[in-house]
Structures are given as C-alpha cells and as structure tokens.
Amino acid sequence: MTSEELLRLLRSHWTTVVTGLDDDDLDRVSGALRELREETAAGDPVAVARAVRRLKRTLAALPPGHPVSEAVGGHRYAAATRELPGLGTIDAVISVLGTDSAALLRTARRRLLAAPALTEAERAALTGSAHARPAGTEHAEPPGAGHAAPPDAGLIRLRDPDRGIRYPRFQFRPGTAEPLPVVRRINTLLRADRDPWGAADWWLGGNRWLGGVPADLLGVLPDEALERAAAELVGAL
C-alpha cells in the first residue's frame, strides 16, 4: 500500500480516528501530516518516506482492530516507498481532522466517557464474584455452559486515555458484570465492535423515536421496542 492509499484510508475512517485517539495523539498525527505536506511540496522522496514513518508511528496509537492501526501495523508497510502522495490528498486529510466536526466529535467522546462505566479491573472483580459457588457445588454446570458467548462479544468498550478501557454501565444487570442479552443484540446491530463510540452515542443520547434515552429505557420499554428502533437506524428492517 502506498502513502497515497494510506492517506485515503485515513480520510475514509476519519471519524473513528478522531474518537479513537486522545488529544495528544491526535495533535501528533496532525503534526506528522503537516510535516508530510511540507516534505511533499519540497519534492524530497527521502524526507517524505521519513514523514510517512512518523505518521505511521502516531497512528499505531489507535485501538487494536481499527482498520488504520491494522494497516500501519501490518507487513504491507514493511518497506518504505519513495513515491510522493498528492498534495490534495494530504490537504483533504488535514482538513477533516481539523474541522469543527472533529472538535464536536472529541467533545462527544468526553461526554460518553463521563457516563457511569466499569473499568477492566472492576468488571473482572464482579465477574469473579459472580463465579463464586457455595461449597459442594463446584462441579455443577450452569444451564447453557459450554455455549456462552465470548466475554466481550456484543459489548461496547471505550478507550479512555487516562483510565484505560471502560464498559458503559448500562450494558450490565445492576450490581453485576452480567451483560443484558438485549444490549448484546442491539450492540451487534449497531456494529459496536467496529464503531463503539457510535453505538455508545445511540444508547446514551436522546432518541425521539423512543421518547427518551435508550439506556434509561432498559426494563421500561419492551426489549422489542428498543431493538426495532436500533434496526430502523441501521436499515435492518
């Protein structure tokens, strides 16, 4: 993949790049892009290759599984290329990463991180407590054992630059780390594995279709009503 293709990939995923990086890392990406533009305008292939390497190092801060972090961490970028990307492509990426929309996304990210959530350690502690069994029942298998979903399947995981991974609290039964089945189903509809910020925003934002905040309506509205609203959003109906 050429540097031009990398830039196009970065532009196509700019919203999740903005929400997937903390402010310092995003500033480093912007700085690397400005350096890349200067070296490209000067027409020095060696300097351009150096700027591309810097850009790739900064983009590696994106969460694992993000299309851009997977690309920059893969073998496809093992060899530096000497071709010069288009100035228009660089300017387009700089533009979207510095727009008012990007600033709004960063504000939205901070709002979502302020919602009640479990850290990795808190979730592990609650999960361990739930697995404790009375004496004499250590070998009893709960119903459905052996067919449980992977622990993180269908869950929203938000990356907080200061506190690490956070799991919005509404996803679990009160006082436990047991995921609510309806939340897992809706998160799958919303593709929370690829866009956790977008899924979290749906749950924690106002919804005129439902007449309230979806997370607050768990257990208030029928599960089917919440699922229909999510399916309508993604065009699954």
C-alpha atoms as a PDB file:
ATOM      1  CA  MET A   1       0.000   0.000   0.000  1.00  0.00           C
ATOM      2  CA  THR A   2       1.366   3.411  -0.976  1.00  0.00           C
ATOM      3  CA  SER A   3       1.364   6.535   1.187  1.00  0.00           C
ATOM      4  CA  GLU A   4      -1.419   7.883  -1.043  1.00  0.00           C
ATOM      5  CA  GLU A   5      -3.529   4.808  -0.261  1.00  0.00           C
ATOM      6  CA  LEU A   6      -2.751   5.183   3.439  1.00  0.00           C
ATOM      7  CA  LEU A   7      -3.971   8.773   3.349  1.00  0.00           C
ATOM      8  CA  ARG A   8      -7.166   7.750   1.566  1.00  0.00           C
ATOM      9  CA  LEU A   9      -7.745   5.068   4.199  1.00  0.00           C
ATOM     10  CA  LEU A  10      -7.155   7.617   6.933  1.00  0.00           C
ATOM     11  CA  ARG A  11      -9.626  10.024   5.366  1.00  0.00           C
ATOM     12  CA  SER A  12     -12.325   7.378   4.933  1.00  0.00           C
ATOM     13  CA  HIS A  13     -12.098   6.482   8.647  1.00  0.00           C
ATOM     14  CA  TRP A  14     -11.530   9.991   9.973  1.00  0.00           C
ATOM     15  CA  THR A  15     -14.449   9.962  12.424  1.00  0.00           C
ATOM     16  CA  THR A  16     -13.205   6.876  14.270  1.00  0.00           C
ATOM     17  CA  VAL A  17      -9.618   8.166  14.066  1.00  0.00           C
ATOM     18  CA  VAL A  18     -10.708  11.322  15.904  1.00  0.00           C
ATOM     19  CA  THR A  19     -12.647   9.398  18.542  1.00  0.00           C
ATOM     20  CA  GLY A  20     -10.048   6.634  18.832  1.00  0.00           C
ATOM     21  CA  LEU A  21      -7.109   8.910  19.729  1.00  0.00           C
ATOM     22  CA  ASP A  22      -6.590  11.071  22.777  1.00  0.00           C
ATOM     23  CA  ASP A  23      -5.914  14.775  22.256  1.00  0.00           C
ATOM     24  CA  ASP A  24      -2.126  14.439  22.448  1.00  0.00           C
ATOM     25  CA  ASP A  25      -2.000  11.608  19.910  1.00  0.00           C
ATOM     26  CA  LEU A  26      -4.338  13.464  17.584  1.00  0.00           C
ATOM     27  CA  ASP A  27      -2.053  16.503  17.785  1.00  0.00           C
ATOM     28  CA  ARG A  28       0.889  14.241  16.875  1.00  0.00           C
ATOM     29  CA  VAL A  29      -0.997  12.921  13.853  1.00  0.00           C
ATOM     30  CA  SER A  30      -1.750  16.487  12.756  1.00  0.00           C
ATOM     31  CA  GLY A  31       1.911  17.404  13.166  1.00  0.00           C
ATOM     32  CA  ALA A  32       3.028  14.384  11.157  1.00  0.00           C
ATOM     33  CA  LEU A  33       0.589  15.305   8.388  1.00  0.00           C
ATOM     34  CA  ARG A  34       1.876  18.880   8.268  1.00  0.00           C
ATOM     35  CA  GLU A  35       5.446  17.591   8.049  1.00  0.00           C
ATOM     36  CA  LEU A  36       4.408  15.212   5.277  1.00  0.00           C
ATOM     37  CA  ARG A  37       2.849  18.088   3.353  1.00  0.00           C
ATOM     38  CA  GLU A  38       5.956  20.259   3.669  1.00  0.00           C
ATOM     39  CA  GLU A  39       8.286  17.477   2.521  1.00  0.00           C
ATOM     40  CA  THR A  40       5.973  16.515  -0.331  1.00  0.00           C
ATOM     41  CA  ALA A  41       5.813  20.140  -1.504  1.00  0.00           C
ATOM     42  CA  ALA A  42       9.627  20.223  -1.402  1.00  0.00           C
ATOM     43  CA  GLY A  43       9.728  17.074  -3.553  1.00  0.00           C
ATOM     44  CA  ASP A  44      12.230  15.131  -1.427  1.00  0.00           C
ATOM     45  CA  PRO A  45      11.323  11.407  -1.563  1.00  0.00           C
ATOM     46  CA  VAL A  46      13.670  10.508   1.328  1.00  0.00           C
ATOM     47  CA  ALA A  47      12.166  13.160   3.594  1.00  0.00           C
ATOM     48  CA  VAL A  48       8.658  12.113   2.531  1.00  0.00           C
ATOM     49  CA  ALA A  49       9.409   8.497   3.466  1.00  0.00           C
ATOM     50  CA  ARG A  50      10.646   9.699   6.866  1.00  0.00           C
ATOM     51  CA  ALA A  51       7.464  11.730   7.391  1.00  0.00           C
ATOM     52  CA  VAL A  52       5.318   8.731   6.430  1.00  0.00           C
ATOM     53  CA  ARG A  53       7.123   6.592   9.010  1.00  0.00           C
ATOM     54  CA  ARG A  54       6.408   9.225  11.662  1.00  0.00           C
ATOM     55  CA  LEU A  55       2.744   9.302  10.643  1.00  0.00           C
ATOM     56  CA  LYS A  56       2.507   5.509  10.882  1.00  0.00           C
ATOM     57  CA  ARG A  57       4.049   5.520  14.366  1.00  0.00           C
ATOM     58  CA  THR A  58       1.487   8.048  15.604  1.00  0.00           C
ATOM     59  CA  LEU A  59      -1.422   6.162  14.017  1.00  0.00           C
ATOM     60  CA  ALA A  60      -0.310   2.993  15.794  1.00  0.00           C
ATOM     61  CA  ALA A  61      -1.878   4.531  18.934  1.00  0.00           C
ATOM     62  CA  LEU A  62      -5.328   3.727  17.522  1.00  0.00           C
ATOM     63  CA  PRO A  63      -7.140   0.854  19.252  1.00  0.00           C
ATOM     64  CA  PRO A  64      -6.315  -2.699  18.112  1.00  0.00           C
ATOM     65  CA  GLY A  65      -8.692  -3.798  15.391  1.00  0.00           C
ATOM     66  CA  HIS A  66      -9.146  -0.327  13.927  1.00  0.00           C
ATOM     67  CA  PRO A  67      -8.705  -0.538  10.123  1.00  0.00           C
ATOM     68  CA  VAL A  68      -5.969   2.106  10.138  1.00  0.00           C
ATOM     69  CA  SER A  69      -3.978   0.643  13.046  1.00  0.00           C
ATOM     70  CA  GLU A  70      -4.224  -2.799  11.454  1.00  0.00           C
ATOM     71  CA  ALA A  71      -2.899  -1.378   8.191  1.00  0.00           C
ATOM     72  CA  VAL A  72       0.037   0.502   9.685  1.00  0.00           C
ATOM     73  CA  GLY A  73       0.959  -2.460  11.862  1.00  0.00           C
ATOM     74  CA  GLY A  74       0.821  -4.994   9.045  1.00  0.00           C
ATOM     75  CA  HIS A  75       3.519  -6.339   6.791  1.00  0.00           C
ATOM     76  CA  ARG A  76       2.144  -4.244   3.915  1.00  0.00           C
ATOM     77  CA  TYR A  77       4.046  -1.292   5.340  1.00  0.00           C
ATOM     78  CA  ALA A  78       7.310  -3.104   5.984  1.00  0.00           C
ATOM     79  CA  ALA A  79       9.076  -1.419   3.082  1.00  0.00           C
ATOM     80  CA  ALA A  80       9.163   2.344   2.668  1.00  0.00           C
ATOM     81  CA  THR A  81       8.067   3.683  -0.701  1.00  0.00           C
ATOM     82  CA  ARG A  82       9.617   6.679  -2.446  1.00  0.00           C
ATOM     83  CA  GLU A  83       6.526   7.889  -4.309  1.00  0.00           C
ATOM     84  CA  LEU A  84       5.140  11.317  -3.458  1.00  0.00           C
ATOM     85  CA  PRO A  85       1.495  11.475  -2.347  1.00  0.00           C
ATOM     86  CA  GLY A  86      -0.769  14.115  -3.840  1.00  0.00           C
ATOM     87  CA  LEU A  87      -0.878  17.439  -2.004  1.00  0.00           C
ATOM     88  CA  GLY A  88      -4.658  17.473  -2.493  1.00  0.00           C
ATOM     89  CA  THR A  89      -4.983  14.162  -0.669  1.00  0.00           C
ATOM     90  CA  ILE A  90      -2.863  15.401   2.248  1.00  0.00           C
ATOM     91  CA  ASP A  91      -4.842  18.648   2.444  1.00  0.00           C
ATOM     92  CA  ALA A  92      -8.122  16.707   2.492  1.00  0.00           C
ATOM     93  CA  VAL A  93      -6.978  14.645   5.483  1.00  0.00           C
ATOM     94  CA  ILE A  94      -5.638  17.701   7.338  1.00  0.00           C
ATOM     95  CA  SER A  95      -8.942  19.429   6.662  1.00  0.00           C
ATOM     96  CA  VAL A  96     -11.217  16.743   8.099  1.00  0.00           C
ATOM     97  CA  LEU A  97      -9.023  16.186  11.157  1.00  0.00           C
ATOM     98  CA  GLY A  98      -9.094  19.885  11.956  1.00  0.00           C
ATOM     99  CA  THR A  99     -12.718  20.745  11.216  1.00  0.00           C
ATOM    100  CA  ASP A 100     -15.381  21.888  13.663  1.00  0.00           C
ATOM    101  CA  SER A 101     -16.907  18.446  13.168  1.00  0.00           C
ATOM    102  CA  ALA A 102     -13.748  16.860  14.556  1.00  0.00           C
ATOM    103  CA  ALA A 103     -13.895  19.159  17.579  1.00  0.00           C
ATOM    104  CA  LEU A 104     -17.525  18.178  18.131  1.00  0.00           C
ATOM    105  CA  LEU A 105     -16.597  14.510  17.954  1.00  0.00           C
ATOM    106  CA  ARG A 106     -13.906  14.988  20.575  1.00  0.00           C
ATOM    107  CA  THR A 107     -16.438  16.748  22.839  1.00  0.00           C
ATOM    108  CA  ALA A 108     -18.888  13.887  22.301  1.00  0.00           C
ATOM    109  CA  ARG A 109     -16.183  11.379  23.204  1.00  0.00           C
ATOM    110  CA  ARG A 110     -15.545  13.140  26.514  1.00  0.00           C
ATOM    111  CA  ARG A 111     -19.303  13.178  27.236  1.00  0.00           C
ATOM    112  CA  LEU A 112     -19.572   9.441  26.624  1.00  0.00           C
ATOM    113  CA  LEU A 113     -16.545   8.717  28.805  1.00  0.00           C
ATOM    114  CA  ALA A 114     -18.180  10.653  31.652  1.00  0.00           C
ATOM    115  CA  ALA A 115     -21.126   8.208  31.786  1.00  0.00           C
ATOM    116  CA  PRO A 116     -21.092   5.543  34.544  1.00  0.00           C
ATOM    117  CA  ALA A 117     -18.864   2.657  33.474  1.00  0.00           C
ATOM    118  CA  LEU A 118     -16.865  -0.312  34.667  1.00  0.00           C
ATOM    119  CA  THR A 119     -13.113  -0.462  34.286  1.00  0.00           C
ATOM    120  CA  GLU A 120     -11.428  -3.711  33.273  1.00  0.00           C
ATOM    121  CA  ALA A 121     -10.491  -4.342  36.915  1.00  0.00           C
ATOM    122  CA  GLU A 122     -13.991  -3.623  38.232  1.00  0.00           C
ATOM    123  CA  ARG A 123     -15.574  -5.871  35.658  1.00  0.00           C
ATOM    124  CA  ALA A 124     -13.112  -8.674  36.438  1.00  0.00           C
ATOM    125  CA  ALA A 125     -13.828  -8.360  40.167  1.00  0.00           C
ATOM    126  CA  LEU A 126     -17.582  -8.526  39.651  1.00  0.00           C
ATOM    127  CA  THR A 127     -17.218 -11.435  37.242  1.00  0.00           C
ATOM    128  CA  GLY A 128     -15.069 -13.315  39.732  1.00  0.00           C
ATOM    129  CA  SER A 129     -17.607 -12.719  42.483  1.00  0.00           C
ATOM    130  CA  ALA A 130     -20.402 -14.000  40.263  1.00  0.00           C
ATOM    131  CA  HIS A 131     -18.453 -17.189  39.616  1.00  0.00           C
ATOM    132  CA  ALA A 132     -18.056 -17.999  43.309  1.00  0.00           C
ATOM    133  CA  ARG A 133     -20.238 -21.001  44.246  1.00  0.00           C
ATOM    134  CA  PRO A 134     -21.422 -22.469  47.525  1.00  0.00           C
ATOM    135  CA  ALA A 135     -19.406 -25.402  48.878  1.00  0.00           C
ATOM    136  CA  GLY A 136     -20.389 -28.694  47.295  1.00  0.00           C
ATOM    137  CA  THR A 137     -21.493 -27.120  44.007  1.00  0.00           C
ATOM    138  CA  GLU A 138     -18.051 -26.582  42.468  1.00  0.00           C
ATOM    139  CA  HIS A 139     -18.731 -29.141  39.740  1.00  0.00           C
ATOM    140  CA  ALA A 140     -22.253 -28.093  38.918  1.00  0.00           C
ATOM    141  CA  GLU A 141     -22.568 -26.666  35.423  1.00  0.00           C
ATOM    142  CA  PRO A 142     -24.933 -23.742  34.923  1.00  0.00           C
ATOM    143  CA  PRO A 143     -27.566 -24.022  32.213  1.00  0.00           C
ATOM    144  CA  GLY A 144     -26.082 -23.433  28.796  1.00  0.00           C
ATOM    145  CA  ALA A 145     -22.474 -23.889  29.970  1.00  0.00           C
ATOM    146  CA  GLY A 146     -20.140 -24.589  27.088  1.00  0.00           C
ATOM    147  CA  HIS A 147     -22.149 -22.346  24.785  1.00  0.00           C
ATOM    148  CA  ALA A 148     -21.510 -18.967  26.403  1.00  0.00           C
ATOM    149  CA  ALA A 149     -20.594 -16.034  24.202  1.00  0.00           C
ATOM    150  CA  PRO A 150     -17.031 -14.691  24.410  1.00  0.00           C
ATOM    151  CA  PRO A 151     -16.759 -12.262  27.365  1.00  0.00           C
ATOM    152  CA  ASP A 152     -16.610  -9.115  25.219  1.00  0.00           C
ATOM    153  CA  ALA A 153     -18.984 -10.229  22.455  1.00  0.00           C
ATOM    154  CA  GLY A 154     -21.620  -7.581  21.836  1.00  0.00           C
ATOM    155  CA  LEU A 155     -20.227  -5.153  24.408  1.00  0.00           C
ATOM    156  CA  ILE A 156     -19.175  -1.535  23.961  1.00  0.00           C
ATOM    157  CA  ARG A 157     -15.562  -0.929  25.001  1.00  0.00           C
ATOM    158  CA  LEU A 158     -14.486   2.710  25.104  1.00  0.00           C
ATOM    159  CA  ARG A 159     -10.816   3.653  25.267  1.00  0.00           C
ATOM    160  CA  ASP A 160     -10.149   6.341  27.872  1.00  0.00           C
ATOM    161  CA  PRO A 161      -6.622   7.793  27.545  1.00  0.00           C
ATOM    162  CA  ASP A 162      -6.418   8.278  31.335  1.00  0.00           C
ATOM    163  CA  ARG A 163      -8.385   5.353  32.752  1.00  0.00           C
ATOM    164  CA  GLY A 164      -7.992   2.641  30.114  1.00  0.00           C
ATOM    165  CA  ILE A 165     -10.851   0.560  28.748  1.00  0.00           C
ATOM    166  CA  ARG A 166     -14.297   1.407  30.081  1.00  0.00           C
ATOM    167  CA  TYR A 167     -17.534  -0.544  29.670  1.00  0.00           C
ATOM    168  CA  PRO A 168     -20.637   1.699  29.920  1.00  0.00           C
ATOM    169  CA  ARG A 169     -22.537   0.533  32.996  1.00  0.00           C
ATOM    170  CA  PHE A 170     -25.979   0.301  31.373  1.00  0.00           C
ATOM    171  CA  GLN A 171     -24.843  -2.833  29.499  1.00  0.00           C
ATOM    172  CA  PHE A 172     -24.940  -4.974  32.665  1.00  0.00           C
ATOM    173  CA  ARG A 173     -27.525  -6.113  35.160  1.00  0.00           C
ATOM    174  CA  PRO A 174     -27.450  -3.770  38.200  1.00  0.00           C
ATOM    175  CA  GLY A 175     -24.681  -4.621  40.634  1.00  0.00           C
ATOM    176  CA  THR A 176     -23.191  -7.284  38.365  1.00  0.00           C
ATOM    177  CA  ALA A 177     -20.973  -7.701  35.327  1.00  0.00           C
ATOM    178  CA  GLU A 178     -23.591  -9.865  33.610  1.00  0.00           C
ATOM    179  CA  PRO A 179     -24.389  -8.389  30.168  1.00  0.00           C
ATOM    180  CA  LEU A 180     -28.028  -7.822  29.324  1.00  0.00           C
ATOM    181  CA  PRO A 181     -28.968 -10.019  26.342  1.00  0.00           C
ATOM    182  CA  VAL A 182     -30.948  -7.235  24.652  1.00  0.00           C
ATOM    183  CA  VAL A 183     -27.941  -4.919  24.889  1.00  0.00           C
ATOM    184  CA  ARG A 184     -25.728  -7.514  23.224  1.00  0.00           C
ATOM    185  CA  ARG A 185     -28.241  -7.992  20.420  1.00  0.00           C
ATOM    186  CA  ILE A 186     -28.602  -4.267  19.797  1.00  0.00           C
ATOM    187  CA  ASN A 187     -24.844  -3.677  20.006  1.00  0.00           C
ATOM    188  CA  THR A 188     -24.418  -6.307  17.314  1.00  0.00           C
ATOM    189  CA  LEU A 189     -26.940  -4.443  15.143  1.00  0.00           C
ATOM    190  CA  LEU A 190     -25.062  -1.191  15.760  1.00  0.00           C
ATOM    191  CA  ARG A 191     -21.706  -2.866  14.976  1.00  0.00           C
ATOM    192  CA  ALA A 192     -20.270  -1.843  18.323  1.00  0.00           C
ATOM    193  CA  ASP A 193     -17.192  -3.952  17.603  1.00  0.00           C
ATOM    194  CA  ARG A 194     -16.242  -1.576  14.769  1.00  0.00           C
ATOM    195  CA  ASP A 195     -17.821   1.677  15.975  1.00  0.00           C
ATOM    196  CA  PRO A 196     -18.087   1.584  19.788  1.00  0.00           C
ATOM    197  CA  TRP A 197     -18.407   5.370  20.020  1.00  0.00           C
ATOM    198  CA  GLY A 198     -21.321   5.456  17.610  1.00  0.00           C
ATOM    199  CA  ALA A 199     -23.067   2.628  19.481  1.00  0.00           C
ATOM    200  CA  ALA A 200     -22.493   4.344  22.824  1.00  0.00           C
ATOM    201  CA  ASP A 201     -23.865   7.603  21.442  1.00  0.00           C
ATOM    202  CA  TRP A 202     -27.066   5.819  20.334  1.00  0.00           C
ATOM    203  CA  TRP A 203     -27.584   4.362  23.805  1.00  0.00           C
ATOM    204  CA  LEU A 204     -26.686   7.496  25.783  1.00  0.00           C
ATOM    205  CA  GLY A 205     -28.218  10.182  23.549  1.00  0.00           C
ATOM    206  CA  GLY A 206     -31.807  11.333  23.244  1.00  0.00           C
ATOM    207  CA  ASN A 207     -33.979   9.334  20.858  1.00  0.00           C
ATOM    208  CA  ARG A 208     -37.179  10.932  19.557  1.00  0.00           C
ATOM    209  CA  TRP A 209     -38.369   7.598  18.177  1.00  0.00           C
ATOM    210  CA  LEU A 210     -38.348   6.140  21.705  1.00  0.00           C
ATOM    211  CA  GLY A 211     -39.123   9.341  23.571  1.00  0.00           C
ATOM    212  CA  GLY A 212     -36.053   9.209  25.785  1.00  0.00           C
ATOM    213  CA  VAL A 213     -32.526   7.944  26.236  1.00  0.00           C
ATOM    214  CA  PRO A 214     -32.361   4.256  25.202  1.00  0.00           C
ATOM    215  CA  ALA A 215     -30.089   3.281  28.106  1.00  0.00           C
ATOM    216  CA  ASP A 216     -32.615   4.765  30.568  1.00  0.00           C
ATOM    217  CA  LEU A 217     -35.447   2.839  28.905  1.00  0.00           C
ATOM    218  CA  LEU A 218     -33.972  -0.618  29.508  1.00  0.00           C
ATOM    219  CA  GLY A 219     -36.547  -2.513  31.551  1.00  0.00           C
ATOM    220  CA  VAL A 220     -39.067   0.290  30.979  1.00  0.00           C
ATOM    221  CA  LEU A 221     -39.896  -0.334  27.329  1.00  0.00           C
ATOM    222  CA  PRO A 222     -40.189  -3.849  25.906  1.00  0.00           C
ATOM    223  CA  ASP A 223     -36.897  -5.171  24.528  1.00  0.00           C
ATOM    224  CA  GLU A 224     -38.563  -5.482  21.122  1.00  0.00           C
ATOM    225  CA  ALA A 225     -39.228  -1.728  21.001  1.00  0.00           C
ATOM    226  CA  LEU A 226     -35.562  -0.937  21.617  1.00  0.00           C
ATOM    227  CA  GLU A 227     -34.471  -3.479  19.023  1.00  0.00           C
ATOM    228  CA  ARG A 228     -36.887  -2.084  16.435  1.00  0.00           C
ATOM    229  CA  ALA A 229     -35.537   1.434  16.969  1.00  0.00           C
ATOM    230  CA  ALA A 230     -31.939   0.248  16.532  1.00  0.00           C
ATOM    231  CA  ALA A 231     -32.844  -1.844  13.484  1.00  0.00           C
ATOM    232  CA  GLU A 232     -34.615   1.122  11.917  1.00  0.00           C
ATOM    233  CA  LEU A 233     -31.490   3.227  12.388  1.00  0.00           C
ATOM    234  CA  VAL A 234     -29.247   0.770  10.546  1.00  0.00           C
ATOM    235  CA  GLY A 235     -31.860  -0.149   7.954  1.00  0.00           C
ATOM    236  CA  ALA A 236     -32.205  -3.733   9.105  1.00  0.00           C
ATOM    237  CA  LEU A 237     -35.998  -3.710   8.876  1.00  0.00           C
END
